[in-house]
C-alpha cells in the first residue's frame, strides 16, 4: 500500500487529492469524447437509410461503424460518470480504453500512457480502493481547487476549437 502522511481521514484525503482530481479529469475527457462519438455514430448509422445510391456492402459497413461509434460513446459516457464516482469497474474499463488508445501515435499514445500511469500507479490503486471510498465519505468538505492557470488554458483551448469550427464552416 502507498505511503500515507498521517492516519486520519483528512490527512489521507489531502495526500491523494491531486491524484483523485487527475483521475476524475480522465472522466471529463471521456465525457467530451462521448459527446462527439454518440451523435457522430448515430448519424453514420442512419446515413445509409437515407441514401439510395450506395452499394449494400457500403451501407452495412457504415451501419456497423456507426453502431461501433455510438456504442463506444455510450461506454465512454458511463465510464466518465463512474470515474467521477471512483467506481472500481470504471478503472478497469478506463485501463482497457487507454491500452487501445496507445495505437493513436503520437498524441493518443502520450495521453493514454499518462492515463495508464494515473490508473495503475500505487496512488491510482488507492484512490479506487474501498478504504479510500470511506475516506471520501468522511471528508466531503475537502475539495480540489483548480488553478487559475488551468482555467485560462481551458478557456484558450475552447476559443481555439471554436475558431477552428467557425473557420471550417465559413471557409467551406
N, C-alpha and C. Protein backbone atom coordinates (compact mmCIF):
# COMPACT_ATOMS: atom_id res chain seq x y z
N UNK A 1 0.85 -1.18 0.00
CA UNK A 1 0.00 0.00 0.00
C UNK A 1 0.89 1.24 0.00
N UNK A 2 0.38 2.30 -0.55
CA UNK A 2 1.16 3.54 -0.67
C UNK A 2 1.43 4.16 0.69
N UNK A 3 2.53 4.87 0.76
CA UNK A 3 2.90 5.56 1.99
C UNK A 3 1.96 6.75 2.20
N UNK A 4 1.46 6.90 3.41
CA UNK A 4 0.47 7.93 3.72
C UNK A 4 1.03 8.87 4.76
N UNK A 5 0.68 10.14 4.62
CA UNK A 5 1.07 11.14 5.61
C UNK A 5 -0.08 11.23 6.61
N UNK A 6 0.11 10.69 7.81
CA UNK A 6 -0.94 10.71 8.84
C UNK A 6 -1.89 9.54 8.70
N UNK A 7 -2.67 9.33 9.75
CA UNK A 7 -3.63 8.24 9.76
C UNK A 7 -5.08 8.70 9.74
N UNK A 8 -5.32 9.96 9.97
CA UNK A 8 -6.70 10.42 10.00
C UNK A 8 -7.21 10.63 8.56
N UNK A 9 -8.52 10.52 8.37
CA UNK A 9 -9.10 10.63 7.01
C UNK A 9 -8.73 11.93 6.29
N UNK A 10 -8.65 13.04 7.00
CA UNK A 10 -8.32 14.31 6.33
C UNK A 10 -6.91 14.29 5.77
N UNK A 11 -5.96 13.75 6.51
CA UNK A 11 -4.58 13.66 6.03
C UNK A 11 -4.48 12.75 4.81
N UNK A 12 -5.17 11.63 4.89
CA UNK A 12 -5.16 10.69 3.77
C UNK A 12 -5.76 11.35 2.53
N UNK A 13 -6.91 12.00 2.70
CA UNK A 13 -7.59 12.63 1.56
C UNK A 13 -6.71 13.72 0.95
N UNK A 14 -6.11 14.54 1.77
CA UNK A 14 -5.26 15.62 1.25
C UNK A 14 -4.04 15.05 0.52
N UNK A 15 -3.53 13.93 1.00
CA UNK A 15 -2.38 13.30 0.36
C UNK A 15 -2.71 12.81 -1.05
N UNK A 16 -3.90 12.29 -1.25
CA UNK A 16 -4.29 11.71 -2.53
C UNK A 16 -5.18 12.63 -3.38
N UNK A 17 -5.48 13.81 -2.90
CA UNK A 17 -6.47 14.67 -3.55
C UNK A 17 -6.08 15.06 -4.98
N UNK A 18 -4.84 15.41 -5.22
CA UNK A 18 -4.47 15.81 -6.58
C UNK A 18 -4.53 14.61 -7.53
N UNK A 19 -4.19 13.43 -7.05
CA UNK A 19 -4.29 12.23 -7.90
C UNK A 19 -5.76 11.91 -8.16
N UNK A 20 -6.59 12.04 -7.15
CA UNK A 20 -8.03 11.85 -7.31
C UNK A 20 -8.57 12.80 -8.38
N UNK A 21 -8.17 14.06 -8.32
CA UNK A 21 -8.62 15.05 -9.30
C UNK A 21 -8.14 14.69 -10.70
N UNK A 22 -6.92 14.21 -10.81
CA UNK A 22 -6.40 13.81 -12.12
C UNK A 22 -7.19 12.64 -12.70
N UNK A 23 -7.52 11.67 -11.86
CA UNK A 23 -8.32 10.53 -12.31
C UNK A 23 -9.70 11.00 -12.75
N UNK A 24 -10.29 11.90 -12.00
CA UNK A 24 -11.61 12.43 -12.38
C UNK A 24 -11.53 13.22 -13.67
N UNK A 25 -10.39 13.85 -13.94
CA UNK A 25 -10.24 14.58 -15.20
C UNK A 25 -10.23 13.64 -16.40
N UNK A 26 -9.78 12.40 -16.20
CA UNK A 26 -9.89 11.40 -17.26
C UNK A 26 -11.37 11.22 -17.61
N UNK A 27 -12.20 11.18 -16.58
CA UNK A 27 -13.64 11.06 -16.80
C UNK A 27 -14.18 12.22 -17.61
N UNK A 28 -13.69 13.42 -17.34
CA UNK A 28 -14.14 14.59 -18.09
C UNK A 28 -13.75 14.45 -19.56
N UNK A 29 -12.54 13.99 -19.82
CA UNK A 29 -12.12 13.80 -21.21
C UNK A 29 -12.93 12.71 -21.89
N UNK A 30 -13.24 11.64 -21.17
CA UNK A 30 -14.09 10.60 -21.74
C UNK A 30 -15.48 11.14 -22.05
N UNK A 31 -16.00 12.00 -21.20
CA UNK A 31 -17.32 12.58 -21.47
C UNK A 31 -17.27 13.46 -22.72
N UNK A 32 -16.21 14.23 -22.89
CA UNK A 32 -16.08 15.03 -24.12
C UNK A 32 -16.04 14.13 -25.35
N UNK A 33 -15.32 13.02 -25.24
CA UNK A 33 -15.30 12.06 -26.34
C UNK A 33 -16.68 11.49 -26.62
N UNK A 34 -17.42 11.20 -25.56
CA UNK A 34 -18.77 10.66 -25.71
C UNK A 34 -19.70 11.67 -26.38
N UNK A 35 -19.54 12.94 -26.02
CA UNK A 35 -20.38 13.99 -26.61
C UNK A 35 -20.17 14.07 -28.12
N UNK A 36 -18.97 13.75 -28.57
CA UNK A 36 -18.69 13.74 -30.00
C UNK A 36 -19.11 12.41 -30.63
N UNK A 37 -18.75 11.30 -29.99
CA UNK A 37 -18.95 9.99 -30.60
C UNK A 37 -20.42 9.56 -30.70
N UNK A 38 -21.22 9.88 -29.72
CA UNK A 38 -22.61 9.43 -29.74
C UNK A 38 -23.38 10.02 -30.94
N UNK A 39 -23.39 11.35 -31.13
CA UNK A 39 -24.12 11.86 -32.30
C UNK A 39 -23.48 11.47 -33.63
N UNK A 40 -22.15 11.43 -33.70
CA UNK A 40 -21.48 11.02 -34.94
C UNK A 40 -21.87 9.58 -35.28
N UNK A 41 -21.81 8.70 -34.30
CA UNK A 41 -22.20 7.31 -34.51
C UNK A 41 -23.65 7.19 -34.93
N UNK A 42 -24.51 7.97 -34.32
CA UNK A 42 -25.93 7.95 -34.65
C UNK A 42 -26.15 8.37 -36.10
N UNK A 43 -25.50 9.44 -36.53
CA UNK A 43 -25.67 9.91 -37.90
C UNK A 43 -25.05 8.97 -38.93
N UNK A 44 -23.90 8.38 -38.59
CA UNK A 44 -23.29 7.41 -39.51
C UNK A 44 -24.19 6.19 -39.63
N UNK A 45 -24.80 5.78 -38.52
CA UNK A 45 -25.69 4.63 -38.53
C UNK A 45 -26.93 4.89 -39.40
N UNK A 46 -27.45 6.11 -39.33
CA UNK A 46 -28.67 6.44 -40.07
C UNK A 46 -28.42 6.86 -41.51
N UNK A 47 -27.22 7.30 -41.84
CA UNK A 47 -26.92 7.79 -43.18
C UNK A 47 -27.30 6.81 -44.29
N UNK A 48 -26.99 5.53 -44.16
CA UNK A 48 -27.35 4.60 -45.25
C UNK A 48 -28.86 4.49 -45.47
N UNK A 49 -29.65 4.77 -44.47
CA UNK A 49 -31.10 4.68 -44.62
C UNK A 49 -31.65 5.76 -45.56
N UNK A 50 -30.94 6.87 -45.66
CA UNK A 50 -31.41 7.99 -46.47
C UNK A 50 -30.70 8.09 -47.82
N UNK A 51 -29.80 7.16 -48.09
CA UNK A 51 -29.03 7.18 -49.32
C UNK A 51 -29.41 5.97 -50.16
N UNK A 52 -29.89 6.21 -51.38
CA UNK A 52 -30.28 5.12 -52.27
C UNK A 52 -29.15 4.74 -53.23
N UNK A 53 -28.10 5.54 -53.32
CA UNK A 53 -27.08 5.36 -54.33
C UNK A 53 -25.96 4.40 -53.92
N UNK A 54 -25.82 4.13 -52.67
CA UNK A 54 -24.68 3.36 -52.21
C UNK A 54 -24.95 1.85 -52.28
N UNK A 55 -23.88 1.11 -52.48
CA UNK A 55 -23.98 -0.34 -52.52
C UNK A 55 -24.38 -0.89 -51.15
N UNK A 56 -24.94 -2.07 -51.15
CA UNK A 56 -25.38 -2.69 -49.90
C UNK A 56 -24.21 -2.92 -48.96
N UNK A 57 -23.06 -3.35 -49.48
CA UNK A 57 -21.88 -3.59 -48.64
C UNK A 57 -21.43 -2.33 -47.92
N UNK A 58 -21.42 -1.20 -48.63
CA UNK A 58 -21.03 0.07 -48.03
C UNK A 58 -22.04 0.48 -46.97
N UNK A 59 -23.31 0.26 -47.24
CA UNK A 59 -24.36 0.62 -46.28
C UNK A 59 -24.23 -0.20 -45.00
N UNK A 60 -23.91 -1.48 -45.16
CA UNK A 60 -23.74 -2.35 -43.99
C UNK A 60 -22.51 -1.90 -43.18
N UNK A 61 -21.41 -1.63 -43.88
CA UNK A 61 -20.19 -1.19 -43.19
C UNK A 61 -20.46 0.12 -42.44
N UNK A 62 -21.15 1.06 -43.09
CA UNK A 62 -21.47 2.32 -42.42
C UNK A 62 -22.36 2.10 -41.20
N UNK A 63 -23.33 1.22 -41.32
CA UNK A 63 -24.20 0.92 -40.19
C UNK A 63 -23.42 0.33 -39.03
N UNK A 64 -22.52 -0.60 -39.32
CA UNK A 64 -21.71 -1.24 -38.28
C UNK A 64 -20.76 -0.21 -37.65
N UNK A 65 -20.12 0.60 -38.50
CA UNK A 65 -19.22 1.64 -37.97
C UNK A 65 -19.99 2.62 -37.09
N UNK A 66 -21.17 3.02 -37.53
CA UNK A 66 -21.99 3.94 -36.74
C UNK A 66 -22.36 3.32 -35.41
N UNK A 67 -22.74 2.06 -35.43
CA UNK A 67 -23.10 1.36 -34.19
C UNK A 67 -21.89 1.26 -33.26
N UNK A 68 -20.71 1.01 -33.84
CA UNK A 68 -19.49 0.93 -33.05
C UNK A 68 -19.19 2.28 -32.39
N UNK A 69 -19.24 3.36 -33.17
CA UNK A 69 -19.01 4.70 -32.61
C UNK A 69 -20.03 5.02 -31.52
N UNK A 70 -21.29 4.76 -31.81
CA UNK A 70 -22.36 5.03 -30.86
C UNK A 70 -22.15 4.25 -29.56
N UNK A 71 -21.83 2.96 -29.68
CA UNK A 71 -21.62 2.11 -28.51
C UNK A 71 -20.41 2.55 -27.70
N UNK A 72 -19.31 2.87 -28.38
CA UNK A 72 -18.12 3.35 -27.67
C UNK A 72 -18.40 4.68 -26.98
N UNK A 73 -19.19 5.52 -27.62
CA UNK A 73 -19.57 6.79 -26.99
C UNK A 73 -20.36 6.57 -25.71
N UNK A 74 -21.32 5.64 -25.76
CA UNK A 74 -22.09 5.32 -24.55
C UNK A 74 -21.19 4.74 -23.46
N UNK A 75 -20.28 3.84 -23.86
CA UNK A 75 -19.34 3.27 -22.89
C UNK A 75 -18.49 4.37 -22.25
N UNK A 76 -18.02 5.30 -23.07
CA UNK A 76 -17.23 6.41 -22.53
C UNK A 76 -18.06 7.26 -21.57
N UNK A 77 -19.31 7.51 -21.90
CA UNK A 77 -20.16 8.32 -21.02
C UNK A 77 -20.36 7.64 -19.66
N UNK A 78 -20.69 6.35 -19.69
CA UNK A 78 -20.88 5.62 -18.43
C UNK A 78 -19.57 5.54 -17.64
N UNK A 79 -18.47 5.34 -18.35
CA UNK A 79 -17.17 5.27 -17.69
C UNK A 79 -16.82 6.62 -17.07
N UNK A 80 -17.11 7.70 -17.78
CA UNK A 80 -16.81 9.04 -17.27
C UNK A 80 -17.51 9.30 -15.94
N UNK A 81 -18.80 9.04 -15.91
CA UNK A 81 -19.57 9.27 -14.68
C UNK A 81 -19.05 8.38 -13.55
N UNK A 82 -18.71 7.15 -13.89
CA UNK A 82 -18.22 6.23 -12.87
C UNK A 82 -16.81 6.57 -12.40
N UNK A 83 -15.99 7.14 -13.27
CA UNK A 83 -14.68 7.62 -12.83
C UNK A 83 -14.83 8.78 -11.85
N UNK A 84 -15.78 9.66 -12.10
CA UNK A 84 -16.03 10.76 -11.18
C UNK A 84 -16.43 10.25 -9.81
N UNK A 85 -17.12 9.09 -9.79
CA UNK A 85 -17.55 8.48 -8.52
C UNK A 85 -16.52 7.49 -7.98
N UNK A 86 -15.39 7.36 -8.69
CA UNK A 86 -14.30 6.46 -8.30
C UNK A 86 -14.74 5.01 -8.15
N UNK A 87 -15.57 4.55 -9.08
CA UNK A 87 -16.04 3.17 -9.07
C UNK A 87 -14.92 2.26 -9.61
N UNK A 88 -14.60 1.17 -8.91
CA UNK A 88 -13.51 0.28 -9.35
C UNK A 88 -13.69 -0.28 -10.76
N UNK A 89 -14.91 -0.61 -11.17
CA UNK A 89 -15.10 -1.17 -12.52
C UNK A 89 -14.72 -0.15 -13.59
N UNK A 90 -14.93 1.14 -13.31
CA UNK A 90 -14.59 2.18 -14.28
C UNK A 90 -13.08 2.25 -14.49
N UNK A 91 -12.33 1.96 -13.46
CA UNK A 91 -10.87 1.93 -13.58
C UNK A 91 -10.45 0.86 -14.58
N UNK A 92 -11.08 -0.31 -14.49
CA UNK A 92 -10.75 -1.41 -15.40
C UNK A 92 -11.10 -1.04 -16.85
N UNK A 93 -12.28 -0.48 -17.05
CA UNK A 93 -12.69 -0.07 -18.39
C UNK A 93 -11.76 1.02 -18.92
N UNK A 94 -11.40 1.99 -18.07
CA UNK A 94 -10.50 3.07 -18.49
C UNK A 94 -9.12 2.52 -18.85
N UNK A 95 -8.67 1.51 -18.14
CA UNK A 95 -7.38 0.88 -18.47
C UNK A 95 -7.47 0.24 -19.85
N UNK A 96 -8.55 -0.47 -20.12
CA UNK A 96 -8.73 -1.11 -21.43
C UNK A 96 -8.79 -0.06 -22.54
N UNK A 97 -9.58 1.00 -22.33
CA UNK A 97 -9.67 2.08 -23.32
C UNK A 97 -8.32 2.76 -23.53
N UNK A 98 -7.56 2.91 -22.46
CA UNK A 98 -6.24 3.54 -22.57
C UNK A 98 -5.26 2.66 -23.33
N UNK A 99 -5.32 1.36 -23.12
CA UNK A 99 -4.45 0.45 -23.87
C UNK A 99 -4.79 0.55 -25.36
N UNK A 100 -6.07 0.58 -25.68
CA UNK A 100 -6.48 0.74 -27.08
C UNK A 100 -6.00 2.10 -27.62
N UNK A 101 -6.08 3.13 -26.78
CA UNK A 101 -5.67 4.46 -27.19
C UNK A 101 -4.18 4.60 -27.47
N UNK A 102 -3.38 3.65 -27.00
CA UNK A 102 -1.94 3.69 -27.25
C UNK A 102 -1.60 3.64 -28.74
N UNK A 103 -2.50 3.09 -29.57
CA UNK A 103 -2.21 2.99 -31.00
C UNK A 103 -2.36 4.33 -31.72
N UNK A 104 -2.92 5.33 -31.06
CA UNK A 104 -3.10 6.65 -31.68
C UNK A 104 -1.84 7.49 -31.63
N UNK A 105 -0.79 7.02 -32.30
CA UNK A 105 0.52 7.68 -32.26
C UNK A 105 0.46 9.04 -32.95
N UNK A 106 1.07 10.08 -32.43
CA UNK A 106 1.84 10.21 -31.20
C UNK A 106 1.01 10.74 -30.03
N UNK A 107 0.00 11.59 -30.31
CA UNK A 107 -0.74 12.26 -29.24
C UNK A 107 -1.53 11.24 -28.41
N UNK A 108 -2.25 10.35 -29.07
CA UNK A 108 -3.03 9.34 -28.35
C UNK A 108 -2.16 8.45 -27.49
N UNK A 109 -0.96 8.16 -27.98
CA UNK A 109 -0.03 7.33 -27.22
C UNK A 109 0.40 8.05 -25.94
N UNK A 110 0.74 9.32 -26.06
CA UNK A 110 1.17 10.08 -24.88
C UNK A 110 0.05 10.22 -23.86
N UNK A 111 -1.13 10.59 -24.34
CA UNK A 111 -2.27 10.78 -23.42
C UNK A 111 -2.63 9.46 -22.76
N UNK A 112 -2.71 8.40 -23.55
CA UNK A 112 -3.09 7.09 -23.00
C UNK A 112 -2.04 6.55 -22.02
N UNK A 113 -0.77 6.80 -22.32
CA UNK A 113 0.28 6.38 -21.39
C UNK A 113 0.14 7.11 -20.05
N UNK A 114 -0.18 8.39 -20.10
CA UNK A 114 -0.39 9.15 -18.87
C UNK A 114 -1.61 8.63 -18.12
N UNK A 115 -2.69 8.33 -18.84
CA UNK A 115 -3.88 7.74 -18.20
C UNK A 115 -3.51 6.44 -17.50
N UNK A 116 -2.73 5.59 -18.18
CA UNK A 116 -2.33 4.31 -17.59
C UNK A 116 -1.50 4.52 -16.34
N UNK A 117 -0.62 5.51 -16.37
CA UNK A 117 0.15 5.83 -15.16
C UNK A 117 -0.80 6.21 -14.02
N UNK A 118 -1.76 7.10 -14.30
CA UNK A 118 -2.68 7.53 -13.25
C UNK A 118 -3.50 6.37 -12.69
N UNK A 119 -3.91 5.47 -13.56
CA UNK A 119 -4.80 4.38 -13.15
C UNK A 119 -4.07 3.20 -12.51
N UNK A 120 -2.83 2.95 -12.94
CA UNK A 120 -2.10 1.76 -12.47
C UNK A 120 -1.10 2.04 -11.35
N UNK A 121 -0.81 3.30 -11.08
CA UNK A 121 0.16 3.62 -10.03
C UNK A 121 -0.40 3.24 -8.65
N UNK A 122 0.48 3.27 -7.65
CA UNK A 122 0.03 2.99 -6.28
C UNK A 122 -1.07 3.95 -5.85
N UNK A 123 -0.89 5.22 -6.17
CA UNK A 123 -1.92 6.21 -5.81
C UNK A 123 -3.23 5.92 -6.54
N UNK A 124 -3.14 5.50 -7.80
CA UNK A 124 -4.35 5.16 -8.55
C UNK A 124 -5.07 3.99 -7.93
N UNK A 125 -4.32 2.99 -7.50
CA UNK A 125 -4.93 1.84 -6.83
C UNK A 125 -5.61 2.26 -5.54
N UNK A 126 -4.95 3.14 -4.79
CA UNK A 126 -5.51 3.61 -3.52
C UNK A 126 -6.80 4.39 -3.75
N UNK A 127 -6.81 5.27 -4.74
CA UNK A 127 -7.97 6.13 -4.99
C UNK A 127 -9.22 5.31 -5.31
N UNK A 128 -9.03 4.13 -5.90
CA UNK A 128 -10.17 3.27 -6.23
C UNK A 128 -10.46 2.21 -5.18
N UNK A 129 -9.74 2.21 -4.07
CA UNK A 129 -9.91 1.18 -3.05
C UNK A 129 -11.13 1.47 -2.17
N UNK A 130 -11.70 0.41 -1.57
CA UNK A 130 -12.83 0.61 -0.66
C UNK A 130 -12.46 1.50 0.53
N UNK A 131 -11.23 1.37 1.01
CA UNK A 131 -10.79 2.21 2.12
C UNK A 131 -10.82 3.69 1.77
N UNK A 132 -10.42 4.01 0.56
CA UNK A 132 -10.44 5.42 0.14
C UNK A 132 -11.87 5.90 -0.05
N UNK A 133 -12.76 5.03 -0.45
CA UNK A 133 -14.18 5.39 -0.56
C UNK A 133 -14.71 5.85 0.80
N UNK A 134 -14.27 5.15 1.86
CA UNK A 134 -14.68 5.54 3.21
C UNK A 134 -14.07 6.88 3.59
N UNK A 135 -12.82 7.11 3.20
CA UNK A 135 -12.16 8.39 3.48
C UNK A 135 -12.91 9.52 2.79
N UNK A 136 -13.30 9.33 1.54
CA UNK A 136 -14.06 10.35 0.79
C UNK A 136 -15.39 10.62 1.48
N UNK A 137 -16.06 9.56 1.92
CA UNK A 137 -17.35 9.72 2.60
C UNK A 137 -17.19 10.50 3.91
N UNK A 138 -16.05 10.34 4.57
CA UNK A 138 -15.82 11.03 5.85
C UNK A 138 -15.32 12.46 5.66
N UNK A 139 -14.90 12.81 4.45
CA UNK A 139 -14.31 14.14 4.23
C UNK A 139 -14.95 14.86 3.04
N UNK A 140 -16.28 14.98 3.02
CA UNK A 140 -16.92 15.64 1.87
C UNK A 140 -16.59 17.13 1.76
N UNK A 141 -16.10 17.71 2.84
CA UNK A 141 -15.77 19.14 2.85
C UNK A 141 -14.45 19.44 2.15
N UNK A 142 -13.65 18.43 1.89
CA UNK A 142 -12.35 18.64 1.23
C UNK A 142 -12.56 18.57 -0.27
N UNK A 143 -12.25 19.64 -0.97
CA UNK A 143 -12.43 19.75 -2.41
C UNK A 143 -11.11 20.16 -3.06
N UNK A 144 -10.92 19.69 -4.28
CA UNK A 144 -9.74 20.08 -5.05
C UNK A 144 -10.01 21.43 -5.70
N UNK A 145 -9.06 22.34 -5.57
CA UNK A 145 -9.22 23.67 -6.16
C UNK A 145 -8.34 23.74 -7.41
N UNK A 146 -8.98 23.96 -8.55
CA UNK A 146 -8.27 24.06 -9.82
C UNK A 146 -7.57 25.41 -9.93
N UNK A 147 -6.34 25.39 -10.36
CA UNK A 147 -5.54 26.59 -10.51
C UNK A 147 -6.14 27.52 -11.57
N UNK A 148 -5.99 28.82 -11.38
CA UNK A 148 -6.47 29.81 -12.34
C UNK A 148 -5.76 29.64 -13.68
N UNK A 149 -4.52 29.19 -13.66
CA UNK A 149 -3.76 28.94 -14.90
C UNK A 149 -4.47 27.87 -15.73
N UNK A 150 -4.93 26.81 -15.08
CA UNK A 150 -5.64 25.74 -15.79
C UNK A 150 -6.91 26.28 -16.43
N UNK A 151 -7.65 27.13 -15.70
CA UNK A 151 -8.87 27.72 -16.25
C UNK A 151 -8.57 28.61 -17.45
N UNK A 152 -7.47 29.34 -17.38
CA UNK A 152 -7.08 30.21 -18.51
C UNK A 152 -6.75 29.35 -19.73
N UNK A 153 -5.94 28.30 -19.54
CA UNK A 153 -5.60 27.42 -20.66
C UNK A 153 -6.85 26.73 -21.22
N UNK A 154 -7.77 26.34 -20.36
CA UNK A 154 -9.01 25.73 -20.82
C UNK A 154 -9.80 26.71 -21.66
N UNK A 155 -9.89 27.96 -21.21
CA UNK A 155 -10.58 29.00 -21.98
C UNK A 155 -9.93 29.22 -23.33
N UNK A 156 -8.60 29.26 -23.36
CA UNK A 156 -7.89 29.42 -24.63
C UNK A 156 -8.13 28.24 -25.56
N UNK A 157 -8.14 27.03 -25.01
CA UNK A 157 -8.40 25.84 -25.81
C UNK A 157 -9.80 25.88 -26.41
N UNK A 158 -10.77 26.25 -25.62
CA UNK A 158 -12.15 26.34 -26.11
C UNK A 158 -12.25 27.39 -27.21
N UNK A 159 -11.59 28.55 -27.03
CA UNK A 159 -11.59 29.59 -28.05
C UNK A 159 -10.93 29.09 -29.34
N UNK A 160 -9.84 28.36 -29.20
CA UNK A 160 -9.15 27.81 -30.37
C UNK A 160 -10.03 26.82 -31.12
N UNK A 161 -10.71 25.95 -30.39
CA UNK A 161 -11.61 24.97 -31.01
C UNK A 161 -12.76 25.69 -31.70
N UNK A 162 -13.34 26.68 -31.02
CA UNK A 162 -14.44 27.45 -31.61
C UNK A 162 -13.98 28.16 -32.87
N UNK A 163 -12.78 28.74 -32.85
CA UNK A 163 -12.24 29.41 -34.02
C UNK A 163 -12.06 28.42 -35.17
N UNK A 164 -11.56 27.22 -34.88
CA UNK A 164 -11.35 26.20 -35.91
C UNK A 164 -12.68 25.77 -36.52
N UNK A 165 -13.71 25.61 -35.69
CA UNK A 165 -15.03 25.22 -36.20
C UNK A 165 -15.60 26.33 -37.08
N UNK A 166 -15.52 27.56 -36.61
CA UNK A 166 -16.05 28.69 -37.40
C UNK A 166 -15.26 28.82 -38.71
N UNK A 167 -13.95 28.71 -38.66
CA UNK A 167 -13.13 28.81 -39.87
C UNK A 167 -13.47 27.71 -40.86
N UNK A 168 -13.74 26.51 -40.36
CA UNK A 168 -14.11 25.40 -41.22
C UNK A 168 -15.46 25.62 -41.88
N UNK A 169 -16.41 26.10 -41.10
CA UNK A 169 -17.76 26.34 -41.63
C UNK A 169 -17.75 27.50 -42.62
N UNK A 170 -17.13 28.60 -42.27
CA UNK A 170 -17.11 29.79 -43.12
C UNK A 170 -16.21 29.58 -44.32
N UNK A 171 -15.08 28.93 -44.09
CA UNK A 171 -14.12 28.70 -45.17
C UNK A 171 -14.59 27.66 -46.18
N UNK A 172 -15.54 26.85 -45.77
CA UNK A 172 -16.19 25.89 -46.66
C UNK A 172 -15.33 24.78 -47.06
